[in-house]
């Protein structure tokens, strides 16, 4: 399973959405859950999606079921 890192951009090297960039956002103070943001390009995205999960366990399950290998990008 890919390491779950919050508030960092990462490139999906394999799995669902391969080649896209992902950012996992802790939104627990507002919605109580987490957002998963996906875009095809960080500087000029033309395609993307987002998902919301209720808690950390569901976030980790989402990442695992997506079979992601993520390369986290240094900011």
N, C-alpha and C. Protein backbone atom coordinates (compact mmCIF):
# COMPACT_ATOMS: atom_id res chain seq x y z
N UNK A 1 0.84 -1.19 0.00
CA UNK A 1 0.00 0.00 0.00
C UNK A 1 0.88 1.25 0.00
N UNK A 2 0.45 2.26 -0.72
CA UNK A 2 1.16 3.53 -0.75
C UNK A 2 1.06 4.21 0.61
N UNK A 3 2.12 4.88 0.99
CA UNK A 3 2.12 5.66 2.22
C UNK A 3 1.15 6.82 2.06
N UNK A 4 0.31 7.03 3.06
CA UNK A 4 -0.67 8.11 3.03
C UNK A 4 -0.03 9.36 3.63
N UNK A 5 0.19 10.36 2.81
CA UNK A 5 0.75 11.63 3.27
C UNK A 5 -0.27 12.73 2.98
N UNK A 6 -0.57 13.51 3.99
CA UNK A 6 -1.57 14.57 3.85
C UNK A 6 -0.92 15.87 3.41
N UNK A 7 -1.68 16.67 2.66
CA UNK A 7 -1.30 18.03 2.27
C UNK A 7 -0.03 18.09 1.42
N UNK A 8 0.27 17.01 0.69
CA UNK A 8 1.41 16.99 -0.24
C UNK A 8 0.92 16.51 -1.60
N UNK A 9 1.52 17.02 -2.64
CA UNK A 9 1.25 16.51 -3.98
C UNK A 9 2.09 15.27 -4.23
N UNK A 10 1.49 14.32 -4.93
CA UNK A 10 2.21 13.13 -5.31
C UNK A 10 1.80 12.70 -6.71
N UNK A 11 2.69 12.01 -7.39
CA UNK A 11 2.40 11.48 -8.72
C UNK A 11 2.07 10.01 -8.58
N UNK A 12 0.96 9.59 -9.17
CA UNK A 12 0.54 8.19 -9.13
C UNK A 12 1.32 7.43 -10.20
N UNK A 13 2.22 6.56 -9.77
CA UNK A 13 3.07 5.82 -10.69
C UNK A 13 2.40 4.56 -11.22
N UNK A 14 1.49 4.00 -10.46
CA UNK A 14 0.75 2.82 -10.93
C UNK A 14 -0.57 2.72 -10.16
N UNK A 15 -1.50 2.00 -10.76
CA UNK A 15 -2.83 1.86 -10.17
C UNK A 15 -3.84 2.74 -10.90
N UNK A 16 -5.02 2.84 -10.33
CA UNK A 16 -6.10 3.64 -10.89
C UNK A 16 -5.64 5.10 -10.94
N UNK A 17 -5.90 5.78 -12.04
CA UNK A 17 -5.46 7.16 -12.30
C UNK A 17 -3.94 7.27 -12.47
N UNK A 18 -3.32 6.22 -12.98
CA UNK A 18 -1.87 6.25 -13.23
C UNK A 18 -1.48 7.46 -14.06
N UNK A 19 -0.44 8.17 -13.64
CA UNK A 19 0.03 9.36 -14.34
C UNK A 19 -0.56 10.65 -13.80
N UNK A 20 -1.60 10.56 -13.01
CA UNK A 20 -2.22 11.74 -12.43
C UNK A 20 -1.48 12.14 -11.15
N UNK A 21 -1.79 13.35 -10.69
CA UNK A 21 -1.27 13.85 -9.42
C UNK A 21 -2.38 13.77 -8.39
N UNK A 22 -2.00 13.49 -7.15
CA UNK A 22 -2.97 13.35 -6.07
C UNK A 22 -2.56 14.22 -4.90
N UNK A 23 -3.55 14.74 -4.21
CA UNK A 23 -3.32 15.45 -2.94
C UNK A 23 -4.40 14.99 -1.98
N UNK A 24 -4.00 14.57 -0.79
CA UNK A 24 -4.92 14.11 0.24
C UNK A 24 -5.06 15.23 1.26
N UNK A 25 -6.27 15.73 1.41
CA UNK A 25 -6.51 16.91 2.24
C UNK A 25 -7.35 16.56 3.47
N UNK A 26 -6.85 16.90 4.64
CA UNK A 26 -7.58 16.72 5.90
C UNK A 26 -8.61 17.84 6.02
N UNK A 27 -9.87 17.51 5.89
CA UNK A 27 -10.96 18.48 5.98
C UNK A 27 -11.81 18.22 7.21
N UNK A 28 -11.21 17.60 8.21
CA UNK A 28 -11.97 17.16 9.39
C UNK A 28 -12.60 18.32 10.16
N UNK A 29 -12.00 19.49 10.12
CA UNK A 29 -12.57 20.62 10.84
C UNK A 29 -13.84 21.16 10.19
N UNK A 30 -13.98 20.95 8.87
CA UNK A 30 -15.15 21.47 8.16
C UNK A 30 -16.18 20.37 7.91
N UNK A 31 -15.76 19.28 7.26
CA UNK A 31 -16.71 18.22 6.89
C UNK A 31 -16.59 16.98 7.75
N UNK A 32 -15.53 16.91 8.54
CA UNK A 32 -15.31 15.73 9.37
C UNK A 32 -14.54 14.63 8.66
N UNK A 33 -14.19 14.85 7.39
CA UNK A 33 -13.53 13.79 6.62
C UNK A 33 -12.30 14.27 5.88
N UNK A 34 -12.03 13.60 4.77
CA UNK A 34 -10.85 13.87 3.96
C UNK A 34 -11.25 13.98 2.49
N UNK A 35 -10.59 14.89 1.77
CA UNK A 35 -10.76 14.99 0.32
C UNK A 35 -9.56 14.36 -0.37
N UNK A 36 -9.82 13.76 -1.51
CA UNK A 36 -8.80 13.20 -2.39
C UNK A 36 -8.93 13.95 -3.70
N UNK A 37 -7.95 14.80 -4.00
CA UNK A 37 -7.97 15.60 -5.22
C UNK A 37 -7.05 14.96 -6.26
N UNK A 38 -7.52 14.85 -7.48
CA UNK A 38 -6.76 14.27 -8.58
C UNK A 38 -6.77 15.23 -9.76
N UNK A 39 -5.59 15.46 -10.35
CA UNK A 39 -5.48 16.28 -11.55
C UNK A 39 -4.45 15.66 -12.48
N UNK A 40 -4.59 15.95 -13.77
CA UNK A 40 -3.65 15.39 -14.75
C UNK A 40 -2.37 16.22 -14.87
N UNK A 41 -2.39 17.46 -14.39
CA UNK A 41 -1.21 18.32 -14.46
C UNK A 41 -1.29 19.33 -13.31
N UNK A 42 -0.18 19.57 -12.63
CA UNK A 42 -0.21 20.48 -11.49
C UNK A 42 -0.29 21.95 -11.89
N UNK A 43 0.38 22.33 -12.97
CA UNK A 43 0.40 23.75 -13.34
C UNK A 43 -0.80 24.17 -14.18
N UNK A 44 -1.23 23.33 -15.11
CA UNK A 44 -2.38 23.66 -15.95
C UNK A 44 -3.28 22.42 -16.12
N UNK A 45 -4.02 22.06 -15.08
CA UNK A 45 -4.86 20.87 -15.17
C UNK A 45 -6.00 21.04 -16.17
N UNK A 46 -6.23 19.99 -16.95
CA UNK A 46 -7.35 19.98 -17.89
C UNK A 46 -8.33 18.86 -17.57
N UNK A 47 -7.97 18.00 -16.64
CA UNK A 47 -8.84 16.91 -16.23
C UNK A 47 -8.57 16.61 -14.77
N UNK A 48 -9.59 16.19 -14.07
CA UNK A 48 -9.40 15.86 -12.67
C UNK A 48 -10.68 15.36 -12.04
N UNK A 49 -10.57 15.07 -10.76
CA UNK A 49 -11.70 14.54 -10.02
C UNK A 49 -11.42 14.74 -8.55
N UNK A 50 -12.44 14.60 -7.75
CA UNK A 50 -12.22 14.59 -6.31
C UNK A 50 -13.18 13.60 -5.67
N UNK A 51 -12.76 13.11 -4.52
CA UNK A 51 -13.54 12.17 -3.73
C UNK A 51 -13.51 12.64 -2.29
N UNK A 52 -14.51 12.23 -1.53
CA UNK A 52 -14.55 12.54 -0.10
C UNK A 52 -14.76 11.24 0.65
N UNK A 53 -14.02 11.07 1.75
CA UNK A 53 -14.18 9.90 2.61
C UNK A 53 -14.38 10.39 4.03
N UNK A 54 -15.04 9.57 4.85
CA UNK A 54 -15.50 9.99 6.17
C UNK A 54 -14.42 10.03 7.24
N UNK A 55 -13.39 9.19 7.13
CA UNK A 55 -12.38 9.15 8.20
C UNK A 55 -11.06 8.59 7.67
N UNK A 56 -10.06 8.56 8.53
CA UNK A 56 -8.71 8.13 8.14
C UNK A 56 -8.71 6.68 7.67
N UNK A 57 -9.46 5.82 8.33
CA UNK A 57 -9.52 4.41 7.93
C UNK A 57 -10.08 4.27 6.52
N UNK A 58 -11.11 5.03 6.21
CA UNK A 58 -11.70 4.99 4.86
C UNK A 58 -10.72 5.56 3.83
N UNK A 59 -9.97 6.59 4.21
CA UNK A 59 -8.95 7.16 3.33
C UNK A 59 -7.89 6.12 2.99
N UNK A 60 -7.39 5.43 3.99
CA UNK A 60 -6.37 4.40 3.77
C UNK A 60 -6.92 3.25 2.93
N UNK A 61 -8.18 2.89 3.16
CA UNK A 61 -8.83 1.85 2.37
C UNK A 61 -8.97 2.28 0.90
N UNK A 62 -9.32 3.54 0.67
CA UNK A 62 -9.45 4.07 -0.69
C UNK A 62 -8.11 3.98 -1.42
N UNK A 63 -7.05 4.42 -0.76
CA UNK A 63 -5.72 4.38 -1.37
C UNK A 63 -5.30 2.94 -1.66
N UNK A 64 -5.55 2.05 -0.72
CA UNK A 64 -5.19 0.64 -0.91
C UNK A 64 -5.98 0.00 -2.05
N UNK A 65 -7.28 0.25 -2.11
CA UNK A 65 -8.10 -0.36 -3.15
C UNK A 65 -7.80 0.21 -4.54
N UNK A 66 -7.23 1.43 -4.59
CA UNK A 66 -6.84 2.03 -5.86
C UNK A 66 -5.51 1.48 -6.36
N UNK A 67 -4.84 0.68 -5.52
CA UNK A 67 -3.56 0.04 -5.86
C UNK A 67 -2.51 1.06 -6.29
N UNK A 68 -2.48 2.18 -5.57
CA UNK A 68 -1.57 3.25 -5.92
C UNK A 68 -0.16 3.00 -5.43
N UNK A 69 0.79 3.34 -6.31
CA UNK A 69 2.17 3.57 -5.92
C UNK A 69 2.38 5.05 -6.17
N UNK A 70 2.69 5.80 -5.12
CA UNK A 70 2.76 7.26 -5.22
C UNK A 70 4.18 7.73 -4.94
N UNK A 71 4.64 8.61 -5.81
CA UNK A 71 5.92 9.30 -5.58
C UNK A 71 5.57 10.69 -5.04
N UNK A 72 5.86 10.92 -3.77
CA UNK A 72 5.53 12.21 -3.15
C UNK A 72 6.53 13.26 -3.60
N UNK A 73 6.02 14.43 -3.95
CA UNK A 73 6.82 15.50 -4.51
C UNK A 73 7.27 16.44 -3.39
N UNK A 74 8.55 16.77 -3.37
CA UNK A 74 9.06 17.74 -2.41
C UNK A 74 8.54 19.11 -2.79
N UNK A 75 8.08 19.83 -1.81
CA UNK A 75 7.52 21.17 -2.05
C UNK A 75 8.59 22.21 -1.95
